[in-house]
Amino acid sequence: MGFATIGGRYHLFYRYHLFSRQWGPMHEGHAVSSDLLHWIYQPCALALDTAADAGAVSALRKRR
């Protein structure tokens, strides 16, 4: 997870458990900001049903 700059806006991708503070099926969260101070939370980017699904998540690669 991490930061990316796309179209002049900052994107933050993070993992969280949607239903509990305990460890469980993780979800990929997404938030967008134009100034790194005010964030707009986006719908869940990816829902992982099992721990094995975490291995299926691929990294973003910068276009050339």
C-alpha atoms as a PDB file:
ATOM      1  CA  MET A   1       0.000   0.000   0.000  1.00  0.00           C
ATOM      2  CA  GLY A   2       1.169   3.535  -0.301  1.00  0.00           C
ATOM      3  CA  PHE A   3       0.961   6.837  -2.110  1.00  0.00           C
ATOM      4  CA  ALA A   4       0.676   7.674  -5.790  1.00  0.00           C
ATOM      5  CA  THR A   5       0.313  10.930  -7.711  1.00  0.00           C
ATOM      6  CA  ILE A   6      -2.168  10.594 -10.552  1.00  0.00           C
ATOM      7  CA  GLY A   7      -3.457  13.526 -12.582  1.00  0.00           C
ATOM      8  CA  GLY A   8      -2.080  16.079 -10.121  1.00  0.00           C
ATOM      9  CA  ARG A   9      -3.928  14.518  -7.166  1.00  0.00           C
ATOM     10  CA  TYR A  10      -2.537  12.401  -4.339  1.00  0.00           C
ATOM     11  CA  HIS A  11      -3.933   8.909  -3.841  1.00  0.00           C
ATOM     12  CA  LEU A  12      -3.472   6.902  -0.648  1.00  0.00           C
ATOM     13  CA  PHE A  13      -4.070   3.153  -0.732  1.00  0.00           C
ATOM     14  CA  TYR A  14      -4.258   1.259   2.564  1.00  0.00           C
ATOM     15  CA  ARG A  15      -5.505  -2.002   4.081  1.00  0.00           C
ATOM     16  CA  TYR A  16      -8.121  -2.342   6.785  1.00  0.00           C
ATOM     17  CA  HIS A  17     -10.597  -4.850   8.213  1.00  0.00           C
ATOM     18  CA  LEU A  18     -14.042  -3.547   7.341  1.00  0.00           C
ATOM     19  CA  PHE A  19     -15.971  -5.304  10.116  1.00  0.00           C
ATOM     20  CA  SER A  20     -13.669  -5.311  13.150  1.00  0.00           C
ATOM     21  CA  ARG A  21     -10.521  -3.990  14.781  1.00  0.00           C
ATOM     22  CA  GLN A  22      -9.285  -7.587  14.932  1.00  0.00           C
ATOM     23  CA  TRP A  23      -7.308  -9.250  12.144  1.00  0.00           C
ATOM     24  CA  GLY A  24      -9.484 -10.748   9.433  1.00  0.00           C
ATOM     25  CA  PRO A  25     -10.354 -10.448   5.746  1.00  0.00           C
ATOM     26  CA  MET A  26      -8.623  -7.275   4.621  1.00  0.00           C
ATOM     27  CA  HIS A  27      -9.966  -4.623   2.279  1.00  0.00           C
ATOM     28  CA  GLU A  28      -8.072  -2.116   0.163  1.00  0.00           C
ATOM     29  CA  GLY A  29      -9.026   1.444   1.040  1.00  0.00           C
ATOM     30  CA  HIS A  30      -8.528   4.484  -1.181  1.00  0.00           C
ATOM     31  CA  ALA A  31      -8.480   8.213  -0.384  1.00  0.00           C
ATOM     32  CA  VAL A  32      -7.751  11.213  -2.651  1.00  0.00           C
ATOM     33  CA  SER A  33      -6.364  14.674  -1.839  1.00  0.00           C
ATOM     34  CA  SER A  34      -5.253  17.731  -3.756  1.00  0.00           C
ATOM     35  CA  ASP A  35      -3.329  19.270  -0.831  1.00  0.00           C
ATOM     36  CA  LEU A  36      -2.359  16.335   1.484  1.00  0.00           C
ATOM     37  CA  LEU A  37      -4.464  17.948   4.234  1.00  0.00           C
ATOM     38  CA  HIS A  38      -8.061  17.357   3.142  1.00  0.00           C
ATOM     39  CA  TRP A  39      -8.892  13.803   2.077  1.00  0.00           C
ATOM     40  CA  ILE A  40     -11.925  12.393   0.284  1.00  0.00           C
ATOM     41  CA  TYR A  41     -12.469   8.726   1.070  1.00  0.00           C
ATOM     42  CA  GLN A  42     -13.394   6.609  -1.928  1.00  0.00           C
ATOM     43  CA  PRO A  43     -15.349   3.337  -1.981  1.00  0.00           C
ATOM     44  CA  CYS A  44     -13.446   0.168  -1.146  1.00  0.00           C
ATOM     45  CA  ALA A  45     -10.874  -0.410  -3.892  1.00  0.00           C
ATOM     46  CA  LEU A  46     -10.612  -4.189  -3.406  1.00  0.00           C
ATOM     47  CA  ALA A  47     -12.183  -6.669  -0.982  1.00  0.00           C
ATOM     48  CA  LEU A  48     -10.054  -9.678  -0.063  1.00  0.00           C
ATOM     49  CA  ASP A  49     -12.058 -12.649   1.175  1.00  0.00           C
ATOM     50  CA  THR A  50      -9.187 -14.808   2.403  1.00  0.00           C
ATOM     51  CA  ALA A  51      -5.563 -14.403   3.411  1.00  0.00           C
ATOM     52  CA  ALA A  52      -4.598 -16.139   0.154  1.00  0.00           C
ATOM     53  CA  ASP A  53      -6.223 -13.307  -1.804  1.00  0.00           C
ATOM     54  CA  ALA A  54      -3.594 -10.915  -0.450  1.00  0.00           C
ATOM     55  CA  GLY A  55      -1.030 -12.584  -2.689  1.00  0.00           C
ATOM     56  CA  ALA A  56      -3.144 -11.731  -5.720  1.00  0.00           C
ATOM     57  CA  VAL A  57      -2.816  -7.980  -5.188  1.00  0.00           C
ATOM     58  CA  SER A  58      -0.425  -6.490  -7.725  1.00  0.00           C
ATOM     59  CA  ALA A  59       1.658  -3.337  -7.435  1.00  0.00           C
ATOM     60  CA  LEU A  60       1.208  -0.276  -9.601  1.00  0.00           C
ATOM     61  CA  ARG A  61       3.938   0.398 -12.117  1.00  0.00           C
ATOM     62  CA  LYS A  62       4.827   3.825 -13.475  1.00  0.00           C
ATOM     63  CA  ARG A  63       4.032   4.249 -17.160  1.00  0.00           C
ATOM     64  CA  ARG A  64       6.883   5.256 -19.447  1.00  0.00           C
END
